[in-house]
Every structure is written in C-alpha cells, then in structure tokens.
C-alpha atoms as a PDB file:
ATOM      1  CA  MET A   1       4.700  12.330   2.107  1.00  0.00           C
ATOM      2  CA  THR A   2       4.790  11.442   5.807  1.00  0.00           C
ATOM      3  CA  PHE A   3       8.495  11.668   6.585  1.00  0.00           C
ATOM      4  CA  SER A   4      10.734  14.720   6.343  1.00  0.00           C
ATOM      5  CA  ARG A   5      13.768  14.720   4.062  1.00  0.00           C
ATOM      6  CA  GLU A   6      16.012  14.352   7.101  1.00  0.00           C
ATOM      7  CA  ALA A   7      14.003  11.391   8.409  1.00  0.00           C
ATOM      8  CA  VAL A   8      14.040   9.613   5.041  1.00  0.00           C
ATOM      9  CA  THR A   9      17.776  10.176   4.693  1.00  0.00           C
ATOM     10  CA  LYS A  10      18.363   8.719   8.138  1.00  0.00           C
ATOM     11  CA  ALA A  11      16.156   5.695   7.463  1.00  0.00           C
ATOM     12  CA  ILE A  12      17.745   4.727   4.158  1.00  0.00           C
ATOM     13  CA  GLY A  13      21.271   5.306   5.460  1.00  0.00           C
ATOM     14  CA  ASP A  14      21.344   2.889   8.356  1.00  0.00           C
ATOM     15  CA  GLY A  15      19.234  -0.242   8.604  1.00  0.00           C
ATOM     16  CA  LEU A  16      18.092  -3.094   6.404  1.00  0.00           C
ATOM     17  CA  LEU A  17      16.023  -2.019   3.390  1.00  0.00           C
ATOM     18  CA  SER A  18      13.198  -4.266   2.205  1.00  0.00           C
ATOM     19  CA  PHE A  19      11.894  -4.670  -1.340  1.00  0.00           C
ATOM     20  CA  PRO A  20       8.638  -6.674  -1.362  1.00  0.00           C
ATOM     21  CA  ILE A  21       7.584  -8.711  -4.353  1.00  0.00           C
ATOM     22  CA  THR A  22       4.281  -7.703  -5.944  1.00  0.00           C
ATOM     23  CA  ASP A  23       1.370 -10.109  -5.462  1.00  0.00           C
ATOM     24  CA  PHE A  24      -0.461 -11.343  -8.550  1.00  0.00           C
ATOM     25  CA  ASP A  25      -3.466 -13.675  -8.601  1.00  0.00           C
ATOM     26  CA  SER A  26      -3.884 -16.771 -10.788  1.00  0.00           C
ATOM     27  CA  GLN A  27      -4.915 -14.524 -13.691  1.00  0.00           C
ATOM     28  CA  GLY A  28      -1.820 -12.349 -13.308  1.00  0.00           C
ATOM     29  CA  ARG A  29      -3.711  -9.382 -11.832  1.00  0.00           C
ATOM     30  CA  PHE A  30      -2.595  -7.381  -8.813  1.00  0.00           C
ATOM     31  CA  ASP A  31      -3.816  -9.134  -5.666  1.00  0.00           C
ATOM     32  CA  GLU A  32      -4.471  -6.378  -3.136  1.00  0.00           C
ATOM     33  CA  ALA A  33      -5.548  -8.594  -0.239  1.00  0.00           C
ATOM     34  CA  SER A  34      -2.447 -10.770  -0.464  1.00  0.00           C
ATOM     35  CA  TYR A  35      -0.199  -7.730  -0.828  1.00  0.00           C
ATOM     36  CA  ARG A  36      -1.658  -6.127   2.288  1.00  0.00           C
ATOM     37  CA  LYS A  37      -0.859  -9.234   4.324  1.00  0.00           C
ATOM     38  CA  ARG A  38       2.677  -9.306   2.914  1.00  0.00           C
ATOM     39  CA  LEU A  39       3.365  -5.706   3.871  1.00  0.00           C
ATOM     40  CA  GLU A  40       2.089  -6.225   7.418  1.00  0.00           C
ATOM     41  CA  TRP A  41       4.366  -9.253   7.732  1.00  0.00           C
ATOM     42  CA  PHE A  42       7.303  -7.266   6.344  1.00  0.00           C
ATOM     43  CA  ILE A  43       7.064  -4.437   8.802  1.00  0.00           C
ATOM     44  CA  SER A  44       6.775  -6.821  11.758  1.00  0.00           C
ATOM     45  CA  HIS A  45      10.532  -7.340  11.289  1.00  0.00           C
ATOM     46  CA  GLU A  46      13.466  -4.981  11.895  1.00  0.00           C
ATOM     47  CA  ILE A  47      13.708  -2.929   8.720  1.00  0.00           C
ATOM     48  CA  SER A  48      14.150   0.799   8.181  1.00  0.00           C
ATOM     49  CA  ALA A  49      12.256   1.482   4.937  1.00  0.00           C
ATOM     50  CA  VAL A  50      10.023  -0.276   2.406  1.00  0.00           C
ATOM     51  CA  PHE A  51      10.711   0.068  -1.321  1.00  0.00           C
ATOM     52  CA  VAL A  52       7.544  -0.913  -3.184  1.00  0.00           C
ATOM     53  CA  ALA A  53       7.154  -1.625  -6.904  1.00  0.00           C
ATOM     54  CA  GLY A  54      10.935  -1.749  -7.244  1.00  0.00           C
ATOM     55  CA  GLY A  55      13.020  -4.179  -9.257  1.00  0.00           C
ATOM     56  CA  THR A  56      12.047  -7.137  -7.063  1.00  0.00           C
ATOM     57  CA  GLY A  57       8.473  -5.838  -7.206  1.00  0.00           C
ATOM     58  CA  GLU A  58       8.536  -5.915 -11.049  1.00  0.00           C
ATOM     59  CA  PHE A  59       8.217  -2.175 -11.617  1.00  0.00           C
ATOM     60  CA  PHE A  60       9.155  -2.826 -15.255  1.00  0.00           C
ATOM     61  CA  ASN A  61       6.071  -5.043 -15.611  1.00  0.00           C
ATOM     62  CA  LEU A  62       3.463  -2.691 -14.141  1.00  0.00           C
ATOM     63  CA  SER A  63       1.063  -0.299 -15.810  1.00  0.00           C
ATOM     64  CA  LEU A  64       0.791   3.200 -14.366  1.00  0.00           C
ATOM     65  CA  GLU A  65      -2.673   2.356 -13.028  1.00  0.00           C
ATOM     66  CA  GLU A  66      -1.423  -0.778 -11.274  1.00  0.00           C
ATOM     67  CA  TYR A  67       1.567   1.085  -9.914  1.00  0.00           C
ATOM     68  CA  ARG A  68      -0.593   3.837  -8.456  1.00  0.00           C
ATOM     69  CA  GLU A  69      -2.771   1.261  -6.704  1.00  0.00           C
ATOM     70  CA  ILE A  70       0.236  -0.670  -5.341  1.00  0.00           C
ATOM     71  CA  VAL A  71       1.825   2.463  -3.888  1.00  0.00           C
ATOM     72  CA  ARG A  72      -1.514   3.668  -2.503  1.00  0.00           C
ATOM     73  CA  VAL A  73      -2.074   0.353  -0.730  1.00  0.00           C
ATOM     74  CA  ALA A  74       1.464   0.370   0.657  1.00  0.00           C
ATOM     75  CA  VAL A  75       1.122   3.891   2.052  1.00  0.00           C
ATOM     76  CA  GLU A  76      -2.210   2.952   3.622  1.00  0.00           C
ATOM     77  CA  VAL A  77      -0.968  -0.296   5.195  1.00  0.00           C
ATOM     78  CA  ILE A  78       2.348   1.017   6.480  1.00  0.00           C
ATOM     79  CA  ASP A  79       0.537   4.084   7.790  1.00  0.00           C
ATOM     80  CA  GLY A  80       3.529   6.212   8.716  1.00  0.00           C
ATOM     81  CA  ARG A  81       5.433   3.487  10.553  1.00  0.00           C
ATOM     82  CA  LEU A  82       8.266   3.477   8.005  1.00  0.00           C
ATOM     83  CA  PRO A  83       9.136   5.509   4.901  1.00  0.00           C
ATOM     84  CA  VAL A  84       7.582   4.184   1.685  1.00  0.00           C
ATOM     85  CA  ILE A  85       9.761   4.549  -1.409  1.00  0.00           C
ATOM     86  CA  ALA A  86       8.274   3.786  -4.836  1.00  0.00           C
ATOM     87  CA  SER A  87       9.974   3.760  -8.266  1.00  0.00           C
ATOM     88  CA  ALA A  88      10.002   5.846 -11.437  1.00  0.00           C
ATOM     89  CA  GLY A  89      11.914   5.968 -14.695  1.00  0.00           C
ATOM     90  CA  LEU A  90      12.028   4.492 -18.227  1.00  0.00           C
ATOM     91  CA  SER A  91      11.860   7.908 -19.932  1.00  0.00           C
ATOM     92  CA  VAL A  92      11.642  11.511 -18.774  1.00  0.00           C
ATOM     93  CA  GLU A  93       7.895  11.785 -19.353  1.00  0.00           C
ATOM     94  CA  THR A  94       7.077   8.331 -17.980  1.00  0.00           C
ATOM     95  CA  GLY A  95       9.353   9.010 -15.051  1.00  0.00           C
ATOM     96  CA  LYS A  96       7.493  12.222 -14.314  1.00  0.00           C
ATOM     97  CA  ALA A  97       4.146  10.418 -14.533  1.00  0.00           C
ATOM     98  CA  PHE A  98       5.198   7.667 -12.105  1.00  0.00           C
ATOM     99  CA  ALA A  99       6.762  10.206  -9.739  1.00  0.00           C
ATOM    100  CA  LYS A 100       3.564  12.276  -9.809  1.00  0.00           C
ATOM    101  CA  ALA A 101       1.442   9.213  -9.046  1.00  0.00           C
ATOM    102  CA  ALA A 102       3.710   8.255  -6.132  1.00  0.00           C
ATOM    103  CA  GLU A 103       3.611  11.789  -4.754  1.00  0.00           C
ATOM    104  CA  GLU A 104      -0.183  12.025  -5.055  1.00  0.00           C
ATOM    105  CA  VAL A 105      -0.810   8.854  -3.037  1.00  0.00           C
ATOM    106  CA  GLY A 106       1.660   9.807  -0.306  1.00  0.00           C
ATOM    107  CA  ALA A 107       4.959   8.046  -0.986  1.00  0.00           C
ATOM    108  CA  ASP A 108       8.018   9.460   0.780  1.00  0.00           C
ATOM    109  CA  GLY A 109      10.317   9.112  -2.205  1.00  0.00           C
ATOM    110  CA  ILE A 110      11.128   7.403  -5.473  1.00  0.00           C
ATOM    111  CA  LEU A 111      13.921   5.159  -6.641  1.00  0.00           C
ATOM    112  CA  LEU A 112      14.806   6.568 -10.057  1.00  0.00           C
ATOM    113  CA  MET A 113      15.393   3.685 -12.461  1.00  0.00           C
ATOM    114  CA  PRO A 114      17.637   3.988 -15.531  1.00  0.00           C
ATOM    115  CA  PRO A 115      16.204   5.054 -18.890  1.00  0.00           C
ATOM    116  CA  TYR A 116      14.858   2.376 -21.184  1.00  0.00           C
ATOM    117  CA  LEU A 117      16.954   0.540 -23.800  1.00  0.00           C
ATOM    118  CA  THR A 118      19.237   3.090 -25.398  1.00  0.00           C
ATOM    119  CA  GLU A 119      22.865   3.769 -24.485  1.00  0.00           C
ATOM    120  CA  CYS A 120      23.260   7.200 -22.962  1.00  0.00           C
ATOM    121  CA  PRO A 121      26.014   9.845 -22.685  1.00  0.00           C
ATOM    122  CA  GLN A 122      26.810  11.255 -19.252  1.00  0.00           C
ATOM    123  CA  ASP A 123      25.337  14.697 -19.924  1.00  0.00           C
ATOM    124  CA  GLY A 124      22.158  13.071 -21.234  1.00  0.00           C
ATOM    125  CA  LEU A 125      21.814  10.928 -18.108  1.00  0.00           C
ATOM    126  CA  VAL A 126      22.282  13.960 -15.872  1.00  0.00           C
ATOM    127  CA  GLU A 127      19.561  15.789 -17.800  1.00  0.00           C
ATOM    128  CA  TYR A 128      17.240  12.748 -17.646  1.00  0.00           C
ATOM    129  CA  ALA A 129      17.567  12.554 -13.857  1.00  0.00           C
ATOM    130  CA  ARG A 130      17.474  16.340 -13.384  1.00  0.00           C
ATOM    131  CA  GLN A 131      14.193  16.766 -15.238  1.00  0.00           C
ATOM    132  CA  ILE A 132      12.487  14.040 -13.209  1.00  0.00           C
ATOM    133  CA  CYS A 133      13.899  15.363  -9.926  1.00  0.00           C
ATOM    134  CA  ASP A 134      12.698  18.862 -10.812  1.00  0.00           C
ATOM    135  CA  ALA A 135       9.192  17.550 -11.542  1.00  0.00           C
ATOM    136  CA  THR A 136       8.553  16.185  -8.051  1.00  0.00           C
ATOM    137  CA  ALA A 137       8.750  17.345  -4.447  1.00  0.00           C
ATOM    138  CA  VAL A 138       9.451  13.868  -3.040  1.00  0.00           C
ATOM    139  CA  ASN A 139      12.894  12.514  -2.192  1.00  0.00           C
ATOM    140  CA  VAL A 140      14.790  10.861  -5.033  1.00  0.00           C
ATOM    141  CA  ILE A 141      17.340   8.038  -4.920  1.00  0.00           C
ATOM    142  CA  TYR A 142      19.181   7.486  -8.186  1.00  0.00           C
ATOM    143  CA  TYR A 143      19.646   3.834  -9.169  1.00  0.00           C
ATOM    144  CA  ASN A 144      23.072   3.588 -10.772  1.00  0.00           C
ATOM    145  CA  ARG A 145      22.796   0.501 -12.953  1.00  0.00           C
ATOM    146  CA  GLY A 146      22.193  -0.847 -16.441  1.00  0.00           C
ATOM    147  CA  ASN A 147      22.487   1.808 -19.134  1.00  0.00           C
ATOM    148  CA  GLY A 148      22.096   4.582 -16.587  1.00  0.00           C
ATOM    149  CA  ILE A 149      25.522   4.462 -14.935  1.00  0.00           C
ATOM    150  CA  LEU A 150      26.673   7.902 -13.760  1.00  0.00           C
ATOM    151  CA  ASN A 151      30.317   8.591 -13.001  1.00  0.00           C
ATOM    152  CA  ALA A 152      31.482  10.579  -9.975  1.00  0.00           C
ATOM    153  CA  SER A 153      31.498  13.916 -11.784  1.00  0.00           C
ATOM    154  CA  SER A 154      27.957  13.404 -13.077  1.00  0.00           C
ATOM    155  CA  VAL A 155      26.652  12.406  -9.652  1.00  0.00           C
ATOM    156  CA  GLN A 156      28.213  15.573  -8.236  1.00  0.00           C
ATOM    157  CA  GLN A 157      26.510  17.693 -10.905  1.00  0.00           C
ATOM    158  CA  LEU A 158      23.158  16.108 -10.165  1.00  0.00           C
ATOM    159  CA  ALA A 159      23.574  16.489  -6.408  1.00  0.00           C
ATOM    160  CA  ASP A 160      24.505  20.154  -6.830  1.00  0.00           C
ATOM    161  CA  HIS A 161      21.420  20.873  -8.918  1.00  0.00           C
ATOM    162  CA  CYS A 162      18.743  18.773  -7.217  1.00  0.00           C
ATOM    163  CA  PRO A 163      18.128  19.372  -3.504  1.00  0.00           C
ATOM    164  CA  ASN A 164      15.612  16.521  -3.385  1.00  0.00           C
ATOM    165  CA  LEU A 165      18.230  14.001  -4.553  1.00  0.00           C
ATOM    166  CA  VAL A 166      19.033  12.259  -1.273  1.00  0.00           C
ATOM    167  CA  GLY A 167      20.732   9.029  -2.265  1.00  0.00           C
ATOM    168  CA  LEU A 168      22.467   6.838  -4.797  1.00  0.00           C
ATOM    169  CA  LYS A 169      21.847   3.115  -5.030  1.00  0.00           C
ATOM    170  CA  ASP A 170      24.617   1.061  -6.624  1.00  0.00           C
ATOM    171  CA  GLY A 171      23.434  -1.606  -9.032  1.00  0.00           C
ATOM    172  CA  LYS A 172      26.699  -2.443 -10.760  1.00  0.00           C
ATOM    173  CA  GLY A 173      29.031  -3.732  -8.062  1.00  0.00           C
ATOM    174  CA  ASP A 174      32.058  -1.809  -9.342  1.00  0.00           C
ATOM    175  CA  ILE A 175      33.570  -0.977  -5.955  1.00  0.00           C
ATOM    176  CA  GLN A 176      36.298   1.221  -7.451  1.00  0.00           C
ATOM    177  CA  ALA A 177      33.770   3.400  -9.302  1.00  0.00           C
ATOM    178  CA  LEU A 178      31.460   3.521  -6.293  1.00  0.00           C
ATOM    179  CA  ASN A 179      34.326   4.484  -3.997  1.00  0.00           C
ATOM    180  CA  LYS A 180      35.164   7.371  -6.335  1.00  0.00           C
ATOM    181  CA  ILE A 181      31.570   8.583  -6.043  1.00  0.00           C
ATOM    182  CA  VAL A 182      31.523   8.226  -2.254  1.00  0.00           C
ATOM    183  CA  LYS A 183      34.817  10.093  -1.877  1.00  0.00           C
ATOM    184  CA  THR A 184      33.883  12.794  -4.422  1.00  0.00           C
ATOM    185  CA  VAL A 185      30.326  13.564  -3.339  1.00  0.00           C
ATOM    186  CA  GLY A 186      30.771  12.712   0.327  1.00  0.00           C
ATOM    187  CA  ASP A 187      27.921  12.922   2.806  1.00  0.00           C
ATOM    188  CA  ARG A 188      25.774  15.057   0.498  1.00  0.00           C
ATOM    189  CA  LEU A 189      24.118  11.735  -0.431  1.00  0.00           C
ATOM    190  CA  VAL A 190      23.317   8.443   1.245  1.00  0.00           C
ATOM    191  CA  TYR A 191      24.744   5.374  -0.511  1.00  0.00           C
ATOM    192  CA  ILE A 192      22.898   2.067  -0.798  1.00  0.00           C
ATOM    193  CA  GLY A 193      24.175  -1.280  -1.990  1.00  0.00           C
ATOM    194  CA  GLY A 194      21.834  -2.552  -4.654  1.00  0.00           C
ATOM    195  CA  VAL A 195      23.333  -5.281  -6.816  1.00  0.00           C
ATOM    196  CA  PRO A 196      21.148  -8.404  -7.094  1.00  0.00           C
ATOM    197  CA  THR A 197      21.607 -10.459  -3.909  1.00  0.00           C
ATOM    198  CA  ALA A 198      23.417  -7.499  -2.356  1.00  0.00           C
ATOM    199  CA  GLU A 199      24.529  -9.535   0.656  1.00  0.00           C
ATOM    200  CA  ILE A 200      27.257 -11.114  -1.478  1.00  0.00           C
ATOM    201  CA  PHE A 201      28.795  -7.617  -1.792  1.00  0.00           C
ATOM    202  CA  ALA A 202      27.952  -6.459   1.723  1.00  0.00           C
ATOM    203  CA  GLU A 203      31.446  -6.657   3.232  1.00  0.00           C
ATOM    204  CA  ALA A 204      32.927  -4.723   0.325  1.00  0.00           C
ATOM    205  CA  TYR A 205      30.181  -2.108   0.602  1.00  0.00           C
ATOM    206  CA  VAL A 206      30.782  -1.571   4.320  1.00  0.00           C
ATOM    207  CA  SER A 207      34.522  -1.203   3.736  1.00  0.00           C
ATOM    208  CA  ILE A 208      33.955   2.023   1.753  1.00  0.00           C
ATOM    209  CA  GLY A 209      31.245   3.428   3.995  1.00  0.00           C
ATOM    210  CA  VAL A 210      28.108   2.048   2.345  1.00  0.00           C
ATOM    211  CA  ASN A 211      26.295   0.857   5.447  1.00  0.00           C
ATOM    212  CA  THR A 212      23.073  -0.525   4.046  1.00  0.00           C
ATOM    213  CA  TYR A 213      21.698  -2.437   1.097  1.00  0.00           C
ATOM    214  CA  SER A 214      18.529  -3.842  -0.426  1.00  0.00           C
ATOM    215  CA  SER A 215      17.676  -7.375   0.655  1.00  0.00           C
ATOM    216  CA  ALA A 216      15.530  -9.353  -1.776  1.00  0.00           C
ATOM    217  CA  VAL A 217      15.838 -12.647   0.119  1.00  0.00           C
ATOM    218  CA  PHE A 218      14.120 -10.895   3.054  1.00  0.00           C
ATOM    219  CA  ASN A 219      10.945 -11.858   1.156  1.00  0.00           C
ATOM    220  CA  PHE A 220      11.318 -15.485   2.290  1.00  0.00           C
ATOM    221  CA  VAL A 221      14.048 -15.683   4.961  1.00  0.00           C
ATOM    222  CA  PRO A 222      13.568 -12.415   6.875  1.00  0.00           C
ATOM    223  CA  GLU A 223      15.038 -13.611  10.168  1.00  0.00           C
ATOM    224  CA  MET A 224      18.233 -14.741   8.464  1.00  0.00           C
ATOM    225  CA  ALA A 225      18.431 -11.525   6.425  1.00  0.00           C
ATOM    226  CA  VAL A 226      18.138  -9.405   9.565  1.00  0.00           C
ATOM    227  CA  LYS A 227      20.655 -11.564  11.455  1.00  0.00           C
ATOM    228  CA  PHE A 228      23.160 -11.315   8.596  1.00  0.00           C
ATOM    229  CA  TYR A 229      22.830  -7.532   8.510  1.00  0.00           C
ATOM    230  CA  LYS A 230      23.225  -7.173  12.277  1.00  0.00           C
ATOM    231  CA  GLU A 231      26.297  -9.413  12.423  1.00  0.00           C
ATOM    232  CA  LEU A 232      27.803  -7.610   9.439  1.00  0.00           C
ATOM    233  CA  ARG A 233      27.425  -4.238  11.174  1.00  0.00           C
ATOM    234  CA  LYS A 234      28.890  -5.649  14.389  1.00  0.00           C
ATOM    235  CA  GLY A 235      31.908  -6.882  12.454  1.00  0.00           C
ATOM    236  CA  ASN A 236      31.258 -10.537  13.278  1.00  0.00           C
ATOM    237  CA  LYS A 237      33.195 -12.004  10.384  1.00  0.00           C
ATOM    238  CA  GLU A 238      32.727 -15.633  11.392  1.00  0.00           C
ATOM    239  CA  VAL A 239      28.933 -15.487  11.335  1.00  0.00           C
ATOM    240  CA  VAL A 240      28.956 -13.482   8.097  1.00  0.00           C
ATOM    241  CA  LYS A 241      31.269 -16.069   6.531  1.00  0.00           C
ATOM    242  CA  GLN A 242      29.119 -18.975   7.706  1.00  0.00           C
ATOM    243  CA  ILE A 243      25.853 -17.535   6.353  1.00  0.00           C
ATOM    244  CA  THR A 244      27.562 -16.536   3.108  1.00  0.00           C
ATOM    245  CA  ASN A 245      28.920 -20.056   2.603  1.00  0.00           C
ATOM    246  CA  ASP A 246      25.762 -21.840   3.738  1.00  0.00           C
ATOM    247  CA  PHE A 247      23.261 -19.735   1.837  1.00  0.00           C
ATOM    248  CA  PHE A 248      24.373 -16.808  -0.289  1.00  0.00           C
ATOM    249  CA  ILE A 249      27.046 -18.468  -2.434  1.00  0.00           C
ATOM    250  CA  PRO A 250      24.829 -21.446  -3.409  1.00  0.00           C
ATOM    251  CA  PHE A 251      21.890 -19.071  -3.850  1.00  0.00           C
ATOM    252  CA  VAL A 252      23.895 -16.888  -6.252  1.00  0.00           C
ATOM    253  CA  ASP A 253      24.963 -20.016  -8.164  1.00  0.00           C
ATOM    254  CA  LEU A 254      21.287 -20.946  -8.510  1.00  0.00           C
ATOM    255  CA  ARG A 255      20.340 -17.371  -9.436  1.00  0.00           C
ATOM    256  CA  ASP A 256      22.936 -17.270 -12.204  1.00  0.00           C
ATOM    257  CA  ARG A 257      21.445 -20.228 -14.046  1.00  0.00           C
ATOM    258  CA  LYS A 258      19.048 -17.975 -15.954  1.00  0.00           C
ATOM    259  CA  ALA A 259      18.608 -14.265 -16.589  1.00  0.00           C
ATOM    260  CA  GLY A 260      15.875 -12.773 -14.413  1.00  0.00           C
ATOM    261  CA  TYR A 261      16.179 -15.325 -11.638  1.00  0.00           C
ATOM    262  CA  ALA A 262      17.199 -12.520  -9.254  1.00  0.00           C
ATOM    263  CA  VAL A 263      13.441 -11.808  -9.188  1.00  0.00           C
ATOM    264  CA  SER A 264      11.943 -15.198 -10.107  1.00  0.00           C
ATOM    265  CA  LEU A 265      13.718 -17.084  -7.328  1.00  0.00           C
ATOM    266  CA  ILE A 266      12.405 -14.585  -4.785  1.00  0.00           C
ATOM    267  CA  LYS A 267       8.817 -15.347  -5.804  1.00  0.00           C
ATOM    268  CA  ALA A 268       9.595 -19.052  -5.703  1.00  0.00           C
ATOM    269  CA  GLY A 269      11.072 -18.677  -2.218  1.00  0.00           C
ATOM    270  CA  ALA A 270       7.992 -16.827  -0.985  1.00  0.00           C
ATOM    271  CA  ASP A 271       5.831 -19.682  -2.244  1.00  0.00           C
ATOM    272  CA  ILE A 272       8.033 -22.281  -0.520  1.00  0.00           C
ATOM    273  CA  VAL A 273       7.663 -20.588   2.886  1.00  0.00           C
ATOM    274  CA  GLY A 274       3.883 -20.365   2.544  1.00  0.00           C
ATOM    275  CA  ARG A 275       3.577 -16.748   1.415  1.00  0.00           C
ATOM    276  CA  PRO A 276       2.832 -17.125  -2.313  1.00  0.00           C
ATOM    277  CA  ALA A 277       2.563 -14.077  -4.562  1.00  0.00           C
ATOM    278  CA  GLY A 278       1.741 -15.710  -7.870  1.00  0.00           C
ATOM    279  CA  SER A 279       4.098 -16.009 -10.815  1.00  0.00           C
ATOM    280  CA  VAL A 280       6.354 -13.403 -12.377  1.00  0.00           C
ATOM    281  CA  ARG A 281       5.168 -11.709 -15.538  1.00  0.00           C
ATOM    282  CA  ALA A 282       6.811 -12.120 -18.939  1.00  0.00           C
ATOM    283  CA  PRO A 283       9.555 -11.634 -19.985  1.00  0.00           C
ATOM    284  CA  LEU A 284      10.582 -13.294 -16.701  1.00  0.00           C
ATOM    285  CA  VAL A 285       9.944 -16.997 -16.110  1.00  0.00           C
ATOM    286  CA  MET A 286       9.573 -19.029 -12.945  1.00  0.00           C
ATOM    287  CA  PRO A 287      12.246 -21.544 -11.894  1.00  0.00           C
ATOM    288  CA  THR A 288      11.875 -25.234 -12.722  1.00  0.00           C
ATOM    289  CA  GLN A 289      10.662 -27.788 -10.192  1.00  0.00           C
ATOM    290  CA  GLU A 290      14.229 -29.043  -9.745  1.00  0.00           C
ATOM    291  CA  GLU A 291      15.471 -25.513  -9.086  1.00  0.00           C
ATOM    292  CA  CYS A 292      12.673 -24.910  -6.585  1.00  0.00           C
ATOM    293  CA  GLN A 293      13.682 -28.080  -4.754  1.00  0.00           C
ATOM    294  CA  ALA A 294      17.273 -26.824  -4.583  1.00  0.00           C
ATOM    295  CA  LEU A 295      16.016 -23.505  -3.196  1.00  0.00           C
ATOM    296  CA  LYS A 296      13.858 -25.322  -0.641  1.00  0.00           C
ATOM    297  CA  LYS A 297      16.918 -27.173   0.651  1.00  0.00           C
ATOM    298  CA  LEU A 298      18.792 -23.887   1.041  1.00  0.00           C
ATOM    299  CA  ILE A 299      15.908 -22.379   2.990  1.00  0.00           C
ATOM    300  CA  GLU A 300      15.727 -25.427   5.263  1.00  0.00           C
ATOM    301  CA  ARG A 301      19.468 -25.229   5.854  1.00  0.00           C
ATOM    302  CA  VAL A 302      19.396 -21.673   7.185  1.00  0.00           C
ATOM    303  CA  LYS A 303      16.173 -22.115   9.121  1.00  0.00           C
END
C-alpha cells in the first residue's frame, strides 16, 4: 500500500475514476504486455485513481491467480503515481482471499463487490462486509448494488465498526436512497457514482454531493470523458447537455440492447480506437458487427 488512508480518500472523492478493461489474448488468457501498455496510456490522462479488475475489468470472470497477477502488474506499472484499487467479494472467504492477494501485491484498497447469487438480509450484509473489512488492512469501498444493497442504517453500522471503510460506491441509481445514506452517514465516507455508464446520472449525483464517478467509456474516449467531467464540475450545463445528447443517450440505448453490454461495448470501443483487449469471457458476449458500426459512428461524432 503506497498511499495513506487520507490520500486515498482524497483521490477517490474528487476527480475522474478510471476502470480499465482486462486484456485477454486470442486464447482468452491474460495478456500482460497489452495490459501494461493500456495502464500507461490510462495514467497519461487526468484521472485520480485506477480501479483494476473491477466490473469493467471482469472481476467476476477471473481466477484468484489471474487476479493476483493483474493487480501486481498494475501496482508495478502505476508505480505510486496514483492509488490502485482492486476488487474483492463473492463470499466472505473468497472476499478475504482476494483482499489478501491485493494487499500482498501492494494495492491501496479494494472495491467490495456484493455477495454471490443469494438474496440477503441487512444484518447478513453488514456481517459479510464487516468480516472482509476486518480481514484486511487496506482501504475498503463498499459497492452498493445487485443483491448487496445496504440501507442508510446498515451503512452507518458498517462505518462505525470498520475504520478502514472509506467509501461507498452506488451501483443502483436510486437517488432517494443514496441521498438518505449521504445525509445519514455524512462525511465519514466518500461517495462514488457507480451505475453503468455513470455519466448519465452525473448531474443527479452532483446535486446531492456525490462529486465523482466511475467512467467506463474512458477506455475508448478518454479526452471526452475528462472534458465531460470537468464541465460538469464547473456547472457548464450546455456542454454537459450537448455531450449527453450526442453520445451518452445513444450509447445507453445501444448498451440496453443486451444484458452485459455495459462491459462488452467497452471492449468493442477499445478495439475500434486501436487499443484492442480481446473478447469478453462467457457469460458475456461481444456486440454484433452492426452494433459495433453504430458504436464507431458515436465515437467519430464526439471525436
């Protein structure tokens, strides 16, 4: 862990957050050389932290061994220039194992994913997150999505118990529920917008004090992603409206054609701009040729 808790909190609380896709070769194996080049390209832009092996990076499709190697490479390449946040979750024991691997190779924190499959009561979710937080010394950001949605009271309990819990990432887009959490827990945590294609929610997030979000499209239109974030923070509504209408609304329409396209379209976009990372792994599928052509037109429009 290179960065202090205070430094990580500052980085994830103000600035654009990047979530690189994971590079696979033609055989579907992790491609270290390609991934190294991608990370160097990422951090040549104005971002404040790098979240590796996250949702966009197909955490759910990685073995523990692959994950360890991906995080190790990221820590080595980024070399203390920005905080590196990895992921963990699925079950208490798997979550502990992933958190341990991330800590051992030098990550500055983990994004704690929801538990796998089963519906969960609030007290069970608090215990799930508490046990994983207690098992690691690194910073933890809880990802509030899927079947792991915590209410305001549960987030408060977790924050009270776990000093290394530094943030909450919203993955649901329920602004009322998120506002309750923000107002209840206050500045004890940092809040991150994290619905798929978070830019479409960005104005609503900012209105309740959530000043940053994860940008998946940064993987193929980084200049536009940074410009959108800067204009949003400056309150330039006209530019935000123009980019939203020109790119994000049609992109979301394309994304919603098939489940999993929030990740698959990002890999397709990277390929279109000359930075291929291979295909997604099952159960995800790549977009059709017609859909890739539609995405190419969107990219050309904003470039």
